[in-house]
Amino acid sequence: RQYTGSAGKITNCQIGVFATYVSARGHAFIDRALYLPKDWTSNRERLQQAHVPDDVVFATKPALASMMIERSIEAGVP
């Protein structure tokens, strides 16, 4: 359970952070990340049961977005 702005309350949900590319020719999703709250990332057993990779650690939504921007720049996205 976590807060989601679309529901305006704490509820069972999944939160994703998405990067999109937009140009005069159209738009497309180019990256995505699942946001996991601290109570998830601090519980290794829970992460293993959910098959979350071992290298996943807590990151805020802005931090996830920054990582996506960095990957986009490194990949040469205009």
C-alpha atoms as a PDB file:
ATOM      1  CA  ARG A   1       0.000   0.000   0.000  1.00  0.00           C
ATOM      2  CA  GLN A   2       1.283   3.454  -0.872  1.00  0.00           C
ATOM      3  CA  TYR A   3       0.037   6.919  -1.715  1.00  0.00           C
ATOM      4  CA  THR A   4      -0.974   7.501  -5.302  1.00  0.00           C
ATOM      5  CA  GLY A   5      -1.930  10.901  -6.620  1.00  0.00           C
ATOM      6  CA  SER A   6      -4.358   9.465  -9.169  1.00  0.00           C
ATOM      7  CA  ALA A   7      -6.467   7.949  -6.381  1.00  0.00           C
ATOM      8  CA  GLY A   8      -5.637  10.749  -3.939  1.00  0.00           C
ATOM      9  CA  LYS A   9      -5.101   8.310  -1.091  1.00  0.00           C
ATOM     10  CA  ILE A  10      -3.083   5.343   0.180  1.00  0.00           C
ATOM     11  CA  THR A  11      -4.162   2.214  -1.662  1.00  0.00           C
ATOM     12  CA  ASN A  12      -2.843  -0.986  -3.222  1.00  0.00           C
ATOM     13  CA  CYS A  13      -1.118   0.152  -6.392  1.00  0.00           C
ATOM     14  CA  GLN A  14       1.998   0.146  -8.489  1.00  0.00           C
ATOM     15  CA  ILE A  15       3.745   3.416  -9.270  1.00  0.00           C
ATOM     16  CA  GLY A  16       5.781   3.808 -12.435  1.00  0.00           C
ATOM     17  CA  VAL A  17       8.075   6.556 -13.645  1.00  0.00           C
ATOM     18  CA  PHE A  18       8.175   6.973 -17.427  1.00  0.00           C
ATOM     19  CA  ALA A  19      10.315   8.840 -19.946  1.00  0.00           C
ATOM     20  CA  THR A  20       8.847   9.813 -23.290  1.00  0.00           C
ATOM     21  CA  TYR A  21      10.405  11.250 -26.409  1.00  0.00           C
ATOM     22  CA  VAL A  22       8.396  13.853 -28.274  1.00  0.00           C
ATOM     23  CA  SER A  23       9.123  15.386 -31.679  1.00  0.00           C
ATOM     24  CA  ALA A  24       7.181  16.914 -34.547  1.00  0.00           C
ATOM     25  CA  ARG A  25       6.842  13.387 -35.962  1.00  0.00           C
ATOM     26  CA  GLY A  26       5.236  11.869 -32.867  1.00  0.00           C
ATOM     27  CA  HIS A  27       5.981  10.530 -29.431  1.00  0.00           C
ATOM     28  CA  ALA A  28       7.025   7.264 -27.783  1.00  0.00           C
ATOM     29  CA  PHE A  29       7.827   5.842 -24.368  1.00  0.00           C
ATOM     30  CA  ILE A  30      11.589   5.277 -24.256  1.00  0.00           C
ATOM     31  CA  ASP A  31      12.234   4.219 -20.652  1.00  0.00           C
ATOM     32  CA  ARG A  32      10.398   3.158 -17.522  1.00  0.00           C
ATOM     33  CA  ALA A  33      11.044   2.225 -13.895  1.00  0.00           C
ATOM     34  CA  LEU A  34       8.928   0.730 -11.164  1.00  0.00           C
ATOM     35  CA  TYR A  35       8.962   2.861  -8.021  1.00  0.00           C
ATOM     36  CA  LEU A  36       9.392   0.755  -4.881  1.00  0.00           C
ATOM     37  CA  PRO A  37       8.877   2.438  -1.499  1.00  0.00           C
ATOM     38  CA  LYS A  38      11.470   2.186   1.275  1.00  0.00           C
ATOM     39  CA  ASP A  39       9.492  -0.452   3.154  1.00  0.00           C
ATOM     40  CA  TRP A  40       9.870  -2.708   0.097  1.00  0.00           C
ATOM     41  CA  THR A  41      13.526  -2.029  -0.648  1.00  0.00           C
ATOM     42  CA  SER A  42      14.526  -2.476   2.993  1.00  0.00           C
ATOM     43  CA  ASN A  43      13.003  -5.984   3.091  1.00  0.00           C
ATOM     44  CA  ARG A  44      15.316  -8.293   1.108  1.00  0.00           C
ATOM     45  CA  GLU A  45      13.141 -11.360   1.676  1.00  0.00           C
ATOM     46  CA  ARG A  46      10.104  -9.581   0.226  1.00  0.00           C
ATOM     47  CA  LEU A  47      12.121  -8.453  -2.796  1.00  0.00           C
ATOM     48  CA  GLN A  48      13.345 -12.000  -3.410  1.00  0.00           C
ATOM     49  CA  GLN A  49       9.806 -13.383  -3.176  1.00  0.00           C
ATOM     50  CA  ALA A  50       8.677 -10.813  -5.750  1.00  0.00           C
ATOM     51  CA  HIS A  51      11.672 -11.663  -8.020  1.00  0.00           C
ATOM     52  CA  VAL A  52      13.054  -8.131  -7.815  1.00  0.00           C
ATOM     53  CA  PRO A  53      16.714  -8.090  -8.979  1.00  0.00           C
ATOM     54  CA  ASP A  54      19.305  -7.976  -6.176  1.00  0.00           C
ATOM     55  CA  ASP A  55      20.768  -4.668  -7.363  1.00  0.00           C
ATOM     56  CA  VAL A  56      17.510  -2.729  -6.868  1.00  0.00           C
ATOM     57  CA  VAL A  57      17.752  -0.180  -4.044  1.00  0.00           C
ATOM     58  CA  PHE A  58      15.459   2.609  -2.891  1.00  0.00           C
ATOM     59  CA  ALA A  59      15.327   5.620  -5.193  1.00  0.00           C
ATOM     60  CA  THR A  60      12.944   8.550  -5.135  1.00  0.00           C
ATOM     61  CA  LYS A  61      10.795   9.226  -8.187  1.00  0.00           C
ATOM     62  CA  PRO A  62      12.917  12.280  -9.128  1.00  0.00           C
ATOM     63  CA  ALA A  63      16.075  10.145  -8.787  1.00  0.00           C
ATOM     64  CA  LEU A  64      14.572   7.494 -11.085  1.00  0.00           C
ATOM     65  CA  ALA A  65      13.720  10.228 -13.609  1.00  0.00           C
ATOM     66  CA  SER A  66      17.286  11.605 -13.431  1.00  0.00           C
ATOM     67  CA  MET A  67      18.690   8.139 -14.140  1.00  0.00           C
ATOM     68  CA  MET A  68      16.415   7.853 -17.187  1.00  0.00           C
ATOM     69  CA  ILE A  69      17.567  11.244 -18.472  1.00  0.00           C
ATOM     70  CA  GLU A  70      21.203  10.187 -18.054  1.00  0.00           C
ATOM     71  CA  ARG A  71      20.566   6.921 -19.942  1.00  0.00           C
ATOM     72  CA  SER A  72      18.823   8.834 -22.725  1.00  0.00           C
ATOM     73  CA  ILE A  73      21.737  11.233 -23.096  1.00  0.00           C
ATOM     74  CA  GLU A  74      24.244   8.363 -23.073  1.00  0.00           C
ATOM     75  CA  ALA A  75      22.193   6.580 -25.765  1.00  0.00           C
ATOM     76  CA  GLY A  76      22.304   9.671 -27.971  1.00  0.00           C
ATOM     77  CA  VAL A  77      18.606  10.529 -27.809  1.00  0.00           C
ATOM     78  CA  PRO A  78      18.287  14.001 -29.336  1.00  0.00           C
END
